[in-house]
Amino acid sequence: MTDHVVVISGWRPSARKVWAARTIRDHVGLDLAGAKRMVDVALAGGLVHLEVQTAAKAKELADKLQELDFDASVE
């Protein structure tokens, strides 16, 4: 279990959905379909909690998702 969680709480119309799914896949270890489901939940207005192994990786994931126009933070 990990204490490093990235939360996606929203997105902007310019959000790059495909790249977000790929980024989640690379950082969390989900398959592409699972990562796409997480993006779909966020796009539908749900909160997405992603567990990441280290604090540094959590910050990196949140930063990359923000660059892709998703509202993401480390909790």
C-alpha atoms as a PDB file:
ATOM      1  CA  MET A   1       0.000   0.000   0.000  1.00  0.00           C
ATOM      2  CA  THR A   2       1.167   3.534  -0.671  1.00  0.00           C
ATOM      3  CA  ASP A   3       0.558   6.925   0.864  1.00  0.00           C
ATOM      4  CA  HIS A   4       1.229   8.741  -2.383  1.00  0.00           C
ATOM      5  CA  VAL A   5      -2.028   9.511  -4.167  1.00  0.00           C
ATOM      6  CA  VAL A   6      -2.631  11.752  -7.170  1.00  0.00           C
ATOM      7  CA  VAL A   7      -6.174  13.083  -7.412  1.00  0.00           C
ATOM      8  CA  ILE A   8      -7.677  14.249 -10.688  1.00  0.00           C
ATOM      9  CA  SER A   9     -10.479  16.637  -9.794  1.00  0.00           C
ATOM     10  CA  GLY A  10     -11.321  18.244 -13.109  1.00  0.00           C
ATOM     11  CA  TRP A  11     -10.235  19.139 -16.614  1.00  0.00           C
ATOM     12  CA  ARG A  12     -10.329  21.951 -19.133  1.00  0.00           C
ATOM     13  CA  PRO A  13     -11.838  21.767 -22.636  1.00  0.00           C
ATOM     14  CA  SER A  14      -8.333  21.683 -24.100  1.00  0.00           C
ATOM     15  CA  ALA A  15      -7.461  18.525 -22.106  1.00  0.00           C
ATOM     16  CA  ARG A  16      -5.428  15.999 -24.053  1.00  0.00           C
ATOM     17  CA  LYS A  17      -7.270  12.820 -23.173  1.00  0.00           C
ATOM     18  CA  VAL A  18      -5.224  10.237 -25.071  1.00  0.00           C
ATOM     19  CA  TRP A  19      -1.942  11.561 -23.680  1.00  0.00           C
ATOM     20  CA  ALA A  20      -3.437  11.598 -20.177  1.00  0.00           C
ATOM     21  CA  ALA A  21      -4.338   7.907 -20.488  1.00  0.00           C
ATOM     22  CA  ARG A  22      -0.827   7.097 -21.699  1.00  0.00           C
ATOM     23  CA  THR A  23       0.712   9.110 -18.861  1.00  0.00           C
ATOM     24  CA  ILE A  24      -1.446   7.357 -16.261  1.00  0.00           C
ATOM     25  CA  ARG A  25      -0.548   3.979 -17.769  1.00  0.00           C
ATOM     26  CA  ASP A  26       3.161   4.757 -17.580  1.00  0.00           C
ATOM     27  CA  HIS A  27       3.097   6.026 -13.985  1.00  0.00           C
ATOM     28  CA  VAL A  28       0.523   3.788 -12.321  1.00  0.00           C
ATOM     29  CA  GLY A  29       1.034   0.511 -14.146  1.00  0.00           C
ATOM     30  CA  LEU A  30      -2.510   0.124 -15.458  1.00  0.00           C
ATOM     31  CA  ASP A  31      -3.098  -1.278 -18.905  1.00  0.00           C
ATOM     32  CA  LEU A  32      -4.236   1.230 -21.524  1.00  0.00           C
ATOM     33  CA  ALA A  33      -7.916   0.273 -21.137  1.00  0.00           C
ATOM     34  CA  GLY A  34      -7.727   0.786 -17.367  1.00  0.00           C
ATOM     35  CA  ALA A  35      -5.986   4.123 -17.765  1.00  0.00           C
ATOM     36  CA  LYS A  36      -8.623   5.203 -20.300  1.00  0.00           C
ATOM     37  CA  ARG A  37     -11.358   4.301 -17.799  1.00  0.00           C
ATOM     38  CA  MET A  38      -9.704   6.593 -15.240  1.00  0.00           C
ATOM     39  CA  VAL A  39      -9.670   9.446 -17.782  1.00  0.00           C
ATOM     40  CA  ASP A  40     -13.324   8.749 -18.643  1.00  0.00           C
ATOM     41  CA  VAL A  41     -14.287   8.981 -14.957  1.00  0.00           C
ATOM     42  CA  ALA A  42     -12.514  12.336 -14.714  1.00  0.00           C
ATOM     43  CA  LEU A  43     -14.206  13.588 -17.883  1.00  0.00           C
ATOM     44  CA  ALA A  44     -17.587  12.588 -16.430  1.00  0.00           C
ATOM     45  CA  GLY A  45     -16.904  14.765 -13.375  1.00  0.00           C
ATOM     46  CA  GLY A  46     -15.770  12.086 -10.948  1.00  0.00           C
ATOM     47  CA  LEU A  47     -12.750  12.244  -8.685  1.00  0.00           C
ATOM     48  CA  VAL A  48      -9.974   9.880  -9.676  1.00  0.00           C
ATOM     49  CA  HIS A  49      -7.481   8.620  -7.073  1.00  0.00           C
ATOM     50  CA  LEU A  50      -4.276   7.119  -8.454  1.00  0.00           C
ATOM     51  CA  GLU A  51      -1.816   5.380  -6.141  1.00  0.00           C
ATOM     52  CA  VAL A  52       1.830   5.978  -6.982  1.00  0.00           C
ATOM     53  CA  GLN A  53       4.879   4.301  -5.420  1.00  0.00           C
ATOM     54  CA  THR A  54       6.937   7.349  -4.437  1.00  0.00           C
ATOM     55  CA  ALA A  55       6.355  11.000  -3.615  1.00  0.00           C
ATOM     56  CA  ALA A  56       8.603  12.029  -6.508  1.00  0.00           C
ATOM     57  CA  LYS A  57       6.612   9.920  -8.993  1.00  0.00           C
ATOM     58  CA  ALA A  58       3.344  11.300  -7.609  1.00  0.00           C
ATOM     59  CA  LYS A  59       4.534  14.875  -8.131  1.00  0.00           C
ATOM     60  CA  GLU A  60       5.778  14.018 -11.617  1.00  0.00           C
ATOM     61  CA  LEU A  61       2.421  12.466 -12.552  1.00  0.00           C
ATOM     62  CA  ALA A  62       0.430  15.414 -11.176  1.00  0.00           C
ATOM     63  CA  ASP A  63       2.664  17.885 -13.018  1.00  0.00           C
ATOM     64  CA  LYS A  64       2.329  16.006 -16.315  1.00  0.00           C
ATOM     65  CA  LEU A  65      -1.443  15.773 -15.973  1.00  0.00           C
ATOM     66  CA  GLN A  66      -1.587  19.517 -15.315  1.00  0.00           C
ATOM     67  CA  GLU A  67       0.434  20.094 -18.491  1.00  0.00           C
ATOM     68  CA  LEU A  68      -2.245  18.039 -20.287  1.00  0.00           C
ATOM     69  CA  ASP A  69      -4.944  20.387 -18.891  1.00  0.00           C
ATOM     70  CA  PHE A  70      -6.262  18.175 -16.102  1.00  0.00           C
ATOM     71  CA  ASP A  71      -6.645  19.438 -12.536  1.00  0.00           C
ATOM     72  CA  ALA A  72      -4.381  17.092 -10.603  1.00  0.00           C
ATOM     73  CA  SER A  73      -2.768  17.282  -7.184  1.00  0.00           C
ATOM     74  CA  VAL A  74      -0.861  15.071  -4.767  1.00  0.00           C
ATOM     75  CA  GLU A  75      -2.641  14.187  -1.538  1.00  0.00           C
END
